[in-house]
Amino acid sequence: MAEVTDKTLKALEERIHKLAFNMEKMRLAEYVQLLESPLKLVWINFIGGVARGLGIGVGFAVLGAFVVYILKSLVTVPVIGNFVAQIIEIVQIRLGTY
């Protein structure tokens, strides 16, 4: 019966070491410390939000420029060019700038 207890203790010790290793790998202590400091958490989230907003703005500008470039090149094709010209004319009439 003592052998079963020793095997069980060794298996339990191995599992505890694996659990401790995985907790270190997850940086759980740093996460708990961050949760205990609300001001630091707000600051990190603010900086992350600003970075995401900047990324969205730059990405939209690049994508918009690409679309405008493609539309400009399509204007030279007669059928598509007339279609794009009609769309632009409709938009200008609706905005009252025509």
PDB file of N, CA and C in Angstrom:
ATOM      1  N   MET A   1       0.821  -1.188   0.000  1.00  0.00           N
ATOM      2  CA  MET A   1       0.000   0.000   0.000  1.00  0.00           C
ATOM      3  C   MET A   1       0.869   1.258   0.000  1.00  0.00           C
ATOM      4  N   ALA A   2       2.048   1.174   0.581  1.00  0.00           N
ATOM      5  CA  ALA A   2       2.951   2.320   0.620  1.00  0.00           C
ATOM      6  C   ALA A   2       3.454   2.652  -0.785  1.00  0.00           C
ATOM      7  N   GLU A   3       3.589   1.616  -1.655  1.00  0.00           N
ATOM      8  CA  GLU A   3       4.041   1.846  -3.022  1.00  0.00           C
ATOM      9  C   GLU A   3       3.013   2.644  -3.816  1.00  0.00           C
ATOM     10  N   VAL A   4       1.752   2.345  -3.639  1.00  0.00           N
ATOM     11  CA  VAL A   4       0.698   3.073  -4.334  1.00  0.00           C
ATOM     12  C   VAL A   4       0.706   4.523  -3.898  1.00  0.00           C
ATOM     13  N   THR A   5       0.922   4.775  -2.641  1.00  0.00           N
ATOM     14  CA  THR A   5       0.969   6.135  -2.129  1.00  0.00           C
ATOM     15  C   THR A   5       2.168   6.881  -2.696  1.00  0.00           C
ATOM     16  N   ASP A   6       3.321   6.211  -2.779  1.00  0.00           N
ATOM     17  CA  ASP A   6       4.507   6.857  -3.346  1.00  0.00           C
ATOM     18  C   ASP A   6       4.302   7.181  -4.830  1.00  0.00           C
ATOM     19  N   LYS A   7       3.702   6.236  -5.580  1.00  0.00           N
ATOM     20  CA  LYS A   7       3.443   6.476  -6.995  1.00  0.00           C
ATOM     21  C   LYS A   7       2.453   7.631  -7.166  1.00  0.00           C
ATOM     22  N   THR A   8       1.452   7.609  -6.333  1.00  0.00           N
ATOM     23  CA  THR A   8       0.454   8.673  -6.404  1.00  0.00           C
ATOM     24  C   THR A   8       1.066  10.019  -6.083  1.00  0.00           C
ATOM     25  N   LEU A   9       1.915  10.057  -5.062  1.00  0.00           N
ATOM     26  CA  LEU A   9       2.571  11.311  -4.695  1.00  0.00           C
ATOM     27  C   LEU A   9       3.491  11.797  -5.805  1.00  0.00           C
ATOM     28  N   LYS A  10       4.224  10.879  -6.430  1.00  0.00           N
ATOM     29  CA  LYS A  10       5.120  11.273  -7.518  1.00  0.00           C
ATOM     30  C   LYS A  10       4.308  11.801  -8.715  1.00  0.00           C
ATOM     31  N   ALA A  11       3.219  11.118  -9.037  1.00  0.00           N
ATOM     32  CA  ALA A  11       2.373  11.575 -10.143  1.00  0.00           C
ATOM     33  C   ALA A  11       1.777  12.941  -9.824  1.00  0.00           C
ATOM     34  N   LEU A  12       1.344  13.110  -8.592  1.00  0.00           N
ATOM     35  CA  LEU A  12       0.789  14.397  -8.170  1.00  0.00           C
ATOM     36  C   LEU A  12       1.840  15.491  -8.215  1.00  0.00           C
ATOM     37  N   GLU A  13       3.050  15.164  -7.799  1.00  0.00           N
ATOM     38  CA  GLU A  13       4.149  16.137  -7.834  1.00  0.00           C
ATOM     39  C   GLU A  13       4.478  16.535  -9.272  1.00  0.00           C
ATOM     40  N   GLU A  14       4.478  15.559 -10.181  1.00  0.00           N
ATOM     41  CA  GLU A  14       4.730  15.869 -11.591  1.00  0.00           C
ATOM     42  C   GLU A  14       3.650  16.778 -12.159  1.00  0.00           C
ATOM     43  N   ARG A  15       2.398  16.492 -11.809  1.00  0.00           N
ATOM     44  CA  ARG A  15       1.301  17.329 -12.308  1.00  0.00           C
ATOM     45  C   ARG A  15       1.383  18.740 -11.752  1.00  0.00           C
ATOM     46  N   ILE A  16       1.786  18.866 -10.501  1.00  0.00           N
ATOM     47  CA  ILE A  16       1.945  20.195  -9.897  1.00  0.00           C
ATOM     48  C   ILE A  16       3.054  20.957 -10.599  1.00  0.00           C
ATOM     49  N   HIS A  17       4.144  20.282 -10.923  1.00  0.00           N
ATOM     50  CA  HIS A  17       5.254  20.939 -11.637  1.00  0.00           C
ATOM     51  C   HIS A  17       4.801  21.369 -13.037  1.00  0.00           C
ATOM     52  N   LYS A  18       4.026  20.509 -13.722  1.00  0.00           N
ATOM     53  CA  LYS A  18       3.511  20.884 -15.042  1.00  0.00           C
ATOM     54  C   LYS A  18       2.581  22.081 -14.949  1.00  0.00           C
ATOM     55  N   LEU A  19       1.734  22.070 -13.921  1.00  0.00           N
ATOM     56  CA  LEU A  19       0.812  23.178 -13.725  1.00  0.00           C
ATOM     57  C   LEU A  19       1.568  24.474 -13.442  1.00  0.00           C
ATOM     58  N   ALA A  20       2.581  24.405 -12.592  1.00  0.00           N
ATOM     59  CA  ALA A  20       3.385  25.588 -12.286  1.00  0.00           C
ATOM     60  C   ALA A  20       4.112  26.087 -13.541  1.00  0.00           C
ATOM     61  N   PHE A  21       4.623  25.154 -14.330  1.00  0.00           N
ATOM     62  CA  PHE A  21       5.318  25.532 -15.566  1.00  0.00           C
ATOM     63  C   PHE A  21       4.354  26.213 -16.531  1.00  0.00           C
ATOM     64  N   ASN A  22       3.158  25.647 -16.687  1.00  0.00           N
ATOM     65  CA  ASN A  22       2.174  26.243 -17.589  1.00  0.00           C
ATOM     66  C   ASN A  22       1.707  27.607 -17.092  1.00  0.00           C
ATOM     67  N   MET A  23       1.584  27.775 -15.782  1.00  0.00           N
ATOM     68  CA  MET A  23       1.197  29.077 -15.240  1.00  0.00           C
ATOM     69  C   MET A  23       2.290  30.105 -15.492  1.00  0.00           C
ATOM     70  N   GLU A  24       3.531  29.703 -15.384  1.00  0.00           N
ATOM     71  CA  GLU A  24       4.637  30.614 -15.694  1.00  0.00           C
ATOM     72  C   GLU A  24       4.626  30.964 -17.176  1.00  0.00           C
ATOM     73  N   LYS A  25       4.329  29.968 -18.014  1.00  0.00           N
ATOM     74  CA  LYS A  25       4.292  30.202 -19.446  1.00  0.00           C
ATOM     75  C   LYS A  25       3.153  31.156 -19.811  1.00  0.00           C
ATOM     76  N   MET A  26       2.033  31.081 -19.102  1.00  0.00           N
ATOM     77  CA  MET A  26       0.899  31.958 -19.376  1.00  0.00           C
ATOM     78  C   MET A  26       1.087  33.343 -18.768  1.00  0.00           C
ATOM     79  N   ARG A  27       2.094  33.506 -17.952  1.00  0.00           N
ATOM     80  CA  ARG A  27       2.363  34.767 -17.259  1.00  0.00           C
ATOM     81  C   ARG A  27       1.161  35.183 -16.418  1.00  0.00           C
ATOM     82  N   LEU A  28       0.623  34.229 -15.707  1.00  0.00           N
ATOM     83  CA  LEU A  28      -0.564  34.445 -14.902  1.00  0.00           C
ATOM     84  C   LEU A  28      -0.308  35.449 -13.786  1.00  0.00           C
ATOM     85  N   ALA A  29       0.871  35.406 -13.211  1.00  0.00           N
ATOM     86  CA  ALA A  29       1.192  36.333 -12.113  1.00  0.00           C
ATOM     87  C   ALA A  29       1.176  37.782 -12.602  1.00  0.00           C
ATOM     88  N   GLU A  30       1.740  38.015 -13.788  1.00  0.00           N
ATOM     89  CA  GLU A  30       1.745  39.371 -14.339  1.00  0.00           C
ATOM     90  C   GLU A  30       0.331  39.836 -14.653  1.00  0.00           C
ATOM     91  N   TYR A  31      -0.504  38.908 -15.129  1.00  0.00           N
ATOM     92  CA  TYR A  31      -1.887  39.260 -15.448  1.00  0.00           C
ATOM     93  C   TYR A  31      -2.660  39.641 -14.185  1.00  0.00           C
ATOM     94  N   VAL A  32      -2.481  38.873 -13.125  1.00  0.00           N
ATOM     95  CA  VAL A  32      -3.158  39.182 -11.860  1.00  0.00           C
ATOM     96  C   VAL A  32      -2.655  40.512 -11.319  1.00  0.00           C
ATOM     97  N   GLN A  33      -1.367  40.769 -11.426  1.00  0.00           N
ATOM     98  CA  GLN A  33      -0.799  42.036 -10.969  1.00  0.00           C
ATOM     99  C   GLN A  33      -1.370  43.202 -11.793  1.00  0.00           C
ATOM    100  N   LEU A  34      -1.569  42.987 -13.074  1.00  0.00           N
ATOM    101  CA  LEU A  34      -2.154  44.019 -13.926  1.00  0.00           C
ATOM    102  C   LEU A  34      -3.602  44.293 -13.521  1.00  0.00           C
ATOM    103  N   LEU A  35      -4.347  43.248 -13.201  1.00  0.00           N
ATOM    104  CA  LEU A  35      -5.734  43.426 -12.791  1.00  0.00           C
ATOM    105  C   LEU A  35      -5.847  44.172 -11.463  1.00  0.00           C
ATOM    106  N   GLU A  36      -4.821  44.087 -10.652  1.00  0.00           N
ATOM    107  CA  GLU A  36      -4.839  44.779  -9.365  1.00  0.00           C
ATOM    108  C   GLU A  36      -4.501  46.259  -9.499  1.00  0.00           C
ATOM    109  N   SER A  37      -4.054  46.685 -10.674  1.00  0.00           N
ATOM    110  CA  SER A  37      -3.713  48.081 -10.908  1.00  0.00           C
ATOM    111  C   SER A  37      -4.627  48.637 -12.006  1.00  0.00           C
ATOM    112  N   PRO A  38      -5.803  49.149 -11.628  1.00  0.00           N
ATOM    113  CA  PRO A  38      -6.769  49.604 -12.639  1.00  0.00           C
ATOM    114  C   PRO A  38      -6.241  50.741 -13.521  1.00  0.00           C
ATOM    115  N   LEU A  39      -5.463  51.642 -12.955  1.00  0.00           N
ATOM    116  CA  LEU A  39      -4.949  52.764 -13.736  1.00  0.00           C
ATOM    117  C   LEU A  39      -4.025  52.273 -14.852  1.00  0.00           C
ATOM    118  N   LYS A  40      -3.174  51.331 -14.542  1.00  0.00           N
ATOM    119  CA  LYS A  40      -2.269  50.776 -15.547  1.00  0.00           C
ATOM    120  C   LYS A  40      -3.066  50.019 -16.615  1.00  0.00           C
ATOM    121  N   LEU A  41      -4.103  49.306 -16.193  1.00  0.00           N
ATOM    122  CA  LEU A  41      -4.942  48.577 -17.136  1.00  0.00           C
ATOM    123  C   LEU A  41      -5.662  49.534 -18.084  1.00  0.00           C
ATOM    124  N   VAL A  42      -6.170  50.640 -17.555  1.00  0.00           N
ATOM    125  CA  VAL A  42      -6.843  51.645 -18.382  1.00  0.00           C
ATOM    126  C   VAL A  42      -5.846  52.255 -19.370  1.00  0.00           C
ATOM    127  N   TRP A  43      -4.649  52.552 -18.903  1.00  0.00           N
ATOM    128  CA  TRP A  43      -3.622  53.150 -19.764  1.00  0.00           C
ATOM    129  C   TRP A  43      -3.254  52.201 -20.909  1.00  0.00           C
ATOM    130  N   ILE A  44      -3.048  50.933 -20.597  1.00  0.00           N
ATOM    131  CA  ILE A  44      -2.683  49.957 -21.633  1.00  0.00           C
ATOM    132  C   ILE A  44      -3.815  49.821 -22.647  1.00  0.00           C
ATOM    133  N   ASN A  45      -5.057  49.772 -22.165  1.00  0.00           N
ATOM    134  CA  ASN A  45      -6.192  49.667 -23.083  1.00  0.00           C
ATOM    135  C   ASN A  45      -6.346  50.935 -23.933  1.00  0.00           C
ATOM    136  N   PHE A  46      -6.059  52.094 -23.354  1.00  0.00           N
ATOM    137  CA  PHE A  46      -6.120  53.351 -24.101  1.00  0.00           C
ATOM    138  C   PHE A  46      -5.105  53.348 -25.238  1.00  0.00           C
ATOM    139  N   ILE A  47      -3.873  52.984 -24.933  1.00  0.00           N
ATOM    140  CA  ILE A  47      -2.814  52.945 -25.946  1.00  0.00           C
ATOM    141  C   ILE A  47      -3.171  51.928 -27.033  1.00  0.00           C
ATOM    142  N   GLY A  48      -3.709  50.772 -26.631  1.00  0.00           N
ATOM    143  CA  GLY A  48      -4.119  49.773 -27.614  1.00  0.00           C
ATOM    144  C   GLY A  48      -5.227  50.293 -28.515  1.00  0.00           C
ATOM    145  N   GLY A  49      -6.183  51.023 -27.937  1.00  0.00           N
ATOM    146  CA  GLY A  49      -7.273  51.595 -28.727  1.00  0.00           C
ATOM    147  C   GLY A  49      -6.784  52.641 -29.705  1.00  0.00           C
ATOM    148  N   VAL A  50      -5.851  53.481 -29.271  1.00  0.00           N
ATOM    149  CA  VAL A  50      -5.284  54.494 -30.165  1.00  0.00           C
ATOM    150  C   VAL A  50      -4.547  53.811 -31.322  1.00  0.00           C
ATOM    151  N   ALA A  51      -3.795  52.772 -31.012  1.00  0.00           N
ATOM    152  CA  ALA A  51      -3.061  52.059 -32.066  1.00  0.00           C
ATOM    153  C   ALA A  51      -4.015  51.402 -33.052  1.00  0.00           C
ATOM    154  N   ARG A  52      -5.082  50.779 -32.544  1.00  0.00           N
ATOM    155  CA  ARG A  52      -6.059  50.169 -33.450  1.00  0.00           C
ATOM    156  C   ARG A  52      -6.739  51.227 -34.320  1.00  0.00           C
ATOM    157  N   GLY A  53      -7.108  52.350 -33.719  1.00  0.00           N
ATOM    158  CA  GLY A  53      -7.746  53.424 -34.486  1.00  0.00           C
ATOM    159  C   GLY A  53      -6.831  53.966 -35.566  1.00  0.00           C
ATOM    160  N   LEU A  54      -5.567  54.157 -35.225  1.00  0.00           N
ATOM    161  CA  LEU A  54      -4.599  54.630 -36.213  1.00  0.00           C
ATOM    162  C   LEU A  54      -4.431  53.621 -37.339  1.00  0.00           C
ATOM    163  N   GLY A  55      -4.375  52.345 -36.980  1.00  0.00           N
ATOM    164  CA  GLY A  55      -4.247  51.296 -37.988  1.00  0.00           C
ATOM    165  C   GLY A  55      -5.444  51.246 -38.914  1.00  0.00           C
ATOM    166  N   ILE A  56      -6.644  51.407 -38.339  1.00  0.00           N
ATOM    167  CA  ILE A  56      -7.847  51.415 -39.169  1.00  0.00           C
ATOM    168  C   ILE A  56      -7.838  52.618 -40.107  1.00  0.00           C
ATOM    169  N   GLY A  57      -7.443  53.781 -39.588  1.00  0.00           N
ATOM    170  CA  GLY A  57      -7.405  54.988 -40.418  1.00  0.00           C
ATOM    171  C   GLY A  57      -6.422  54.870 -41.565  1.00  0.00           C
ATOM    172  N   VAL A  58      -5.239  54.393 -41.271  1.00  0.00           N
ATOM    173  CA  VAL A  58      -4.218  54.247 -42.319  1.00  0.00           C
ATOM    174  C   VAL A  58      -4.651  53.175 -43.326  1.00  0.00           C
ATOM    175  N   GLY A  59      -5.184  52.075 -42.817  1.00  0.00           N
ATOM    176  CA  GLY A  59      -5.634  51.008 -43.711  1.00  0.00           C
ATOM    177  C   GLY A  59      -6.751  51.460 -44.626  1.00  0.00           C
ATOM    178  N   PHE A  60      -7.703  52.216 -44.075  1.00  0.00           N
ATOM    179  CA  PHE A  60      -8.804  52.720 -44.895  1.00  0.00           C
ATOM    180  C   PHE A  60      -8.299  53.697 -45.942  1.00  0.00           C
ATOM    181  N   ALA A  61      -7.337  54.552 -45.571  1.00  0.00           N
ATOM    182  CA  ALA A  61      -6.787  55.513 -46.533  1.00  0.00           C
ATOM    183  C   ALA A  61      -6.075  54.794 -47.677  1.00  0.00           C
ATOM    184  N   VAL A  62      -5.297  53.774 -47.350  1.00  0.00           N
ATOM    185  CA  VAL A  62      -4.581  53.025 -48.390  1.00  0.00           C
ATOM    186  C   VAL A  62      -5.576  52.291 -49.286  1.00  0.00           C
ATOM    187  N   LEU A  63      -6.558  51.638 -48.672  1.00  0.00           N
ATOM    188  CA  LEU A  63      -7.557  50.917 -49.455  1.00  0.00           C
ATOM    189  C   LEU A  63      -8.377  51.880 -50.318  1.00  0.00           C
ATOM    190  N   GLY A  64      -8.748  53.024 -49.763  1.00  0.00           N
ATOM    191  CA  GLY A  64      -9.493  54.027 -50.536  1.00  0.00           C
ATOM    192  C   GLY A  64      -8.691  54.540 -51.710  1.00  0.00           C
ATOM    193  N   ALA A  65      -7.410  54.800 -51.496  1.00  0.00           N
ATOM    194  CA  ALA A  65      -6.552  55.264 -52.592  1.00  0.00           C
ATOM    195  C   ALA A  65      -6.441  54.207 -53.678  1.00  0.00           C
ATOM    196  N   PHE A  66      -6.375  52.966 -53.281  1.00  0.00           N
ATOM    197  CA  PHE A  66      -6.297  51.874 -54.244  1.00  0.00           C
ATOM    198  C   PHE A  66      -7.581  51.790 -55.067  1.00  0.00           C
ATOM    199  N   VAL A  67      -8.719  51.920 -54.405  1.00  0.00           N
ATOM    200  CA  VAL A  67     -10.004  51.880 -55.118  1.00  0.00           C
ATOM    201  C   VAL A  67     -10.107  53.052 -56.089  1.00  0.00           C
ATOM    202  N   VAL A  68      -9.720  54.242 -55.667  1.00  0.00           N
ATOM    203  CA  VAL A  68      -9.762  55.410 -56.554  1.00  0.00           C
ATOM    204  C   VAL A  68      -8.835  55.199 -57.748  1.00  0.00           C
ATOM    205  N   TYR A  69      -7.677  54.640 -57.510  1.00  0.00           N
ATOM    206  CA  TYR A  69      -6.733  54.361 -58.599  1.00  0.00           C
ATOM    207  C   TYR A  69      -7.339  53.381 -59.605  1.00  0.00           C
ATOM    208  N   ILE A  70      -7.969  52.337 -59.094  1.00  0.00           N
ATOM    209  CA  ILE A  70      -8.605  51.350 -59.972  1.00  0.00           C
ATOM    210  C   ILE A  70      -9.744  52.007 -60.757  1.00  0.00           C
ATOM    211  N   LEU A  71     -10.562  52.829 -60.083  1.00  0.00           N
ATOM    212  CA  LEU A  71     -11.664  53.496 -60.779  1.00  0.00           C
ATOM    213  C   LEU A  71     -11.162  54.460 -61.852  1.00  0.00           C
ATOM    214  N   LYS A  72     -10.048  55.145 -61.573  1.00  0.00           N
ATOM    215  CA  LYS A  72      -9.484  56.045 -62.587  1.00  0.00           C
ATOM    216  C   LYS A  72      -9.034  55.265 -63.813  1.00  0.00           C
ATOM    217  N   SER A  73      -8.467  54.096 -63.589  1.00  0.00           N
ATOM    218  CA  SER A  73      -8.019  53.305 -64.733  1.00  0.00           C
ATOM    219  C   SER A  73      -9.207  52.708 -65.480  1.00  0.00           C
ATOM    220  N   LEU A  74     -10.332  52.486 -64.782  1.00  0.00           N
ATOM    221  CA  LEU A  74     -11.521  51.956 -65.444  1.00  0.00           C
ATOM    222  C   LEU A  74     -12.244  53.017 -66.266  1.00  0.00           C
ATOM    223  N   VAL A  75     -12.023  54.280 -65.973  1.00  0.00           N
ATOM    224  CA  VAL A  75     -12.690  55.357 -66.696  1.00  0.00           C
ATOM    225  C   VAL A  75     -12.276  55.354 -68.159  1.00  0.00           C
ATOM    226  N   THR A  76     -11.080  54.901 -68.458  1.00  0.00           N
ATOM    227  CA  THR A  76     -10.604  54.892 -69.841  1.00  0.00           C
ATOM    228  C   THR A  76     -11.306  53.832 -70.679  1.00  0.00           C
ATOM    229  N   VAL A  77     -11.891  52.812 -70.052  1.00  0.00           N
ATOM    230  CA  VAL A  77     -12.655  51.805 -70.788  1.00  0.00           C
ATOM    231  C   VAL A  77     -14.024  52.411 -71.088  1.00  0.00           C
ATOM    232  N   PRO A  78     -14.444  52.471 -72.358  1.00  0.00           N
ATOM    233  CA  PRO A  78     -15.655  53.220 -72.728  1.00  0.00           C
ATOM    234  C   PRO A  78     -16.919  52.810 -71.977  1.00  0.00           C
ATOM    235  N   VAL A  79     -17.223  51.541 -71.905  1.00  0.00           N
ATOM    236  CA  VAL A  79     -18.475  51.098 -71.287  1.00  0.00           C
ATOM    237  C   VAL A  79     -18.456  51.386 -69.787  1.00  0.00           C
ATOM    238  N   ILE A  80     -17.397  50.995 -69.137  1.00  0.00           N
ATOM    239  CA  ILE A  80     -17.289  51.200 -67.691  1.00  0.00           C
ATOM    240  C   ILE A  80     -17.113  52.678 -67.378  1.00  0.00           C
ATOM    241  N   GLY A  81     -16.392  53.397 -68.227  1.00  0.00           N
ATOM    242  CA  GLY A  81     -16.190  54.824 -68.019  1.00  0.00           C
ATOM    243  C   GLY A  81     -17.494  55.595 -68.042  1.00  0.00           C
ATOM    244  N   ASN A  82     -18.380  55.265 -68.978  1.00  0.00           N
ATOM    245  CA  ASN A  82     -19.682  55.924 -69.025  1.00  0.00           C
ATOM    246  C   ASN A  82     -20.508  55.607 -67.784  1.00  0.00           C
ATOM    247  N   PHE A  83     -20.434  54.364 -67.337  1.00  0.00           N
ATOM    248  CA  PHE A  83     -21.168  53.947 -66.146  1.00  0.00           C
ATOM    249  C   PHE A  83     -20.689  54.713 -64.916  1.00  0.00           C
ATOM    250  N   VAL A  84     -19.367  54.804 -64.742  1.00  0.00           N
ATOM    251  CA  VAL A  84     -18.797  55.542 -63.606  1.00  0.00           C
ATOM    252  C   VAL A  84     -19.159  57.018 -63.711  1.00  0.00           C
ATOM    253  N   ALA A  85     -19.130  57.571 -64.915  1.00  0.00           N
ATOM    254  CA  ALA A  85     -19.491  58.983 -65.109  1.00  0.00           C
ATOM    255  C   ALA A  85     -20.946  59.222 -64.729  1.00  0.00           C
ATOM    256  N   GLN A  86     -21.836  58.298 -65.070  1.00  0.00           N
ATOM    257  CA  GLN A  86     -23.240  58.434 -64.687  1.00  0.00           C
ATOM    258  C   GLN A  86     -23.414  58.380 -63.172  1.00  0.00           C
ATOM    259  N   ILE A  87     -22.685  57.503 -62.518  1.00  0.00           N
ATOM    260  CA  ILE A  87     -22.757  57.413 -61.055  1.00  0.00           C
ATOM    261  C   ILE A  87     -22.284  58.712 -60.421  1.00  0.00           C
ATOM    262  N   ILE A  88     -21.193  59.261 -60.932  1.00  0.00           N
ATOM    263  CA  ILE A  88     -20.662  60.522 -60.394  1.00  0.00           C
ATOM    264  C   ILE A  88     -21.663  61.650 -60.609  1.00  0.00           C
ATOM    265  N   GLU A  89     -22.292  61.662 -61.764  1.00  0.00           N
ATOM    266  CA  GLU A  89     -23.284  62.695 -62.063  1.00  0.00           C
ATOM    267  C   GLU A  89     -24.494  62.582 -61.130  1.00  0.00           C
ATOM    268  N   ILE A  90     -24.949  61.369 -60.878  1.00  0.00           N
ATOM    269  CA  ILE A  90     -26.082  61.151 -59.968  1.00  0.00           C
ATOM    270  C   ILE A  90     -25.738  61.619 -58.560  1.00  0.00           C
ATOM    271  N   VAL A  91     -24.551  61.286 -58.105  1.00  0.00           N
ATOM    272  CA  VAL A  91     -24.119  61.697 -56.761  1.00  0.00           C
ATOM    273  C   VAL A  91     -24.042  63.213 -56.668  1.00  0.00           C
ATOM    274  N   GLN A  92     -23.493  63.849 -57.686  1.00  0.00           N
ATOM    275  CA  GLN A  92     -23.387  65.314 -57.671  1.00  0.00           C
ATOM    276  C   GLN A  92     -24.777  65.977 -57.693  1.00  0.00           C
ATOM    277  N   ILE A  93     -25.711  65.420 -58.431  1.00  0.00           N
ATOM    278  CA  ILE A  93     -27.074  65.967 -58.457  1.00  0.00           C
ATOM    279  C   ILE A  93     -27.705  65.827 -57.072  1.00  0.00           C
ATOM    280  N   ARG A  94     -27.540  64.678 -56.435  1.00  0.00           N
ATOM    281  CA  ARG A  94     -28.122  64.455 -55.103  1.00  0.00           C
ATOM    282  C   ARG A  94     -27.504  65.393 -54.065  1.00  0.00           C
ATOM    283  N   LEU A  95     -26.222  65.665 -54.206  1.00  0.00           N
ATOM    284  CA  LEU A  95     -25.542  66.560 -53.256  1.00  0.00           C
ATOM    285  C   LEU A  95     -25.806  68.030 -53.576  1.00  0.00           C
ATOM    286  N   GLY A  96     -26.320  68.294 -54.754  1.00  0.00           N
ATOM    287  CA  GLY A  96     -26.604  69.665 -55.148  1.00  0.00           C
ATOM    288  C   GLY A  96     -25.377  70.421 -55.599  1.00  0.00           C
ATOM    289  N   THR A  97     -24.332  69.708 -56.006  1.00  0.00           N
ATOM    290  CA  THR A  97     -23.105  70.376 -56.458  1.00  0.00           C
ATOM    291  C   THR A  97     -22.988  70.357 -57.966  1.00  0.00           C
ATOM    292  N   TYR A  98     -24.016  69.944 -58.685  1.00  0.00           N
ATOM    293  CA  TYR A  98     -23.945  69.854 -60.147  1.00  0.00           C
ATOM    294  C   TYR A  98     -24.665  70.994 -60.788  1.00  0.00           C
TER     295      TYR A  98
END
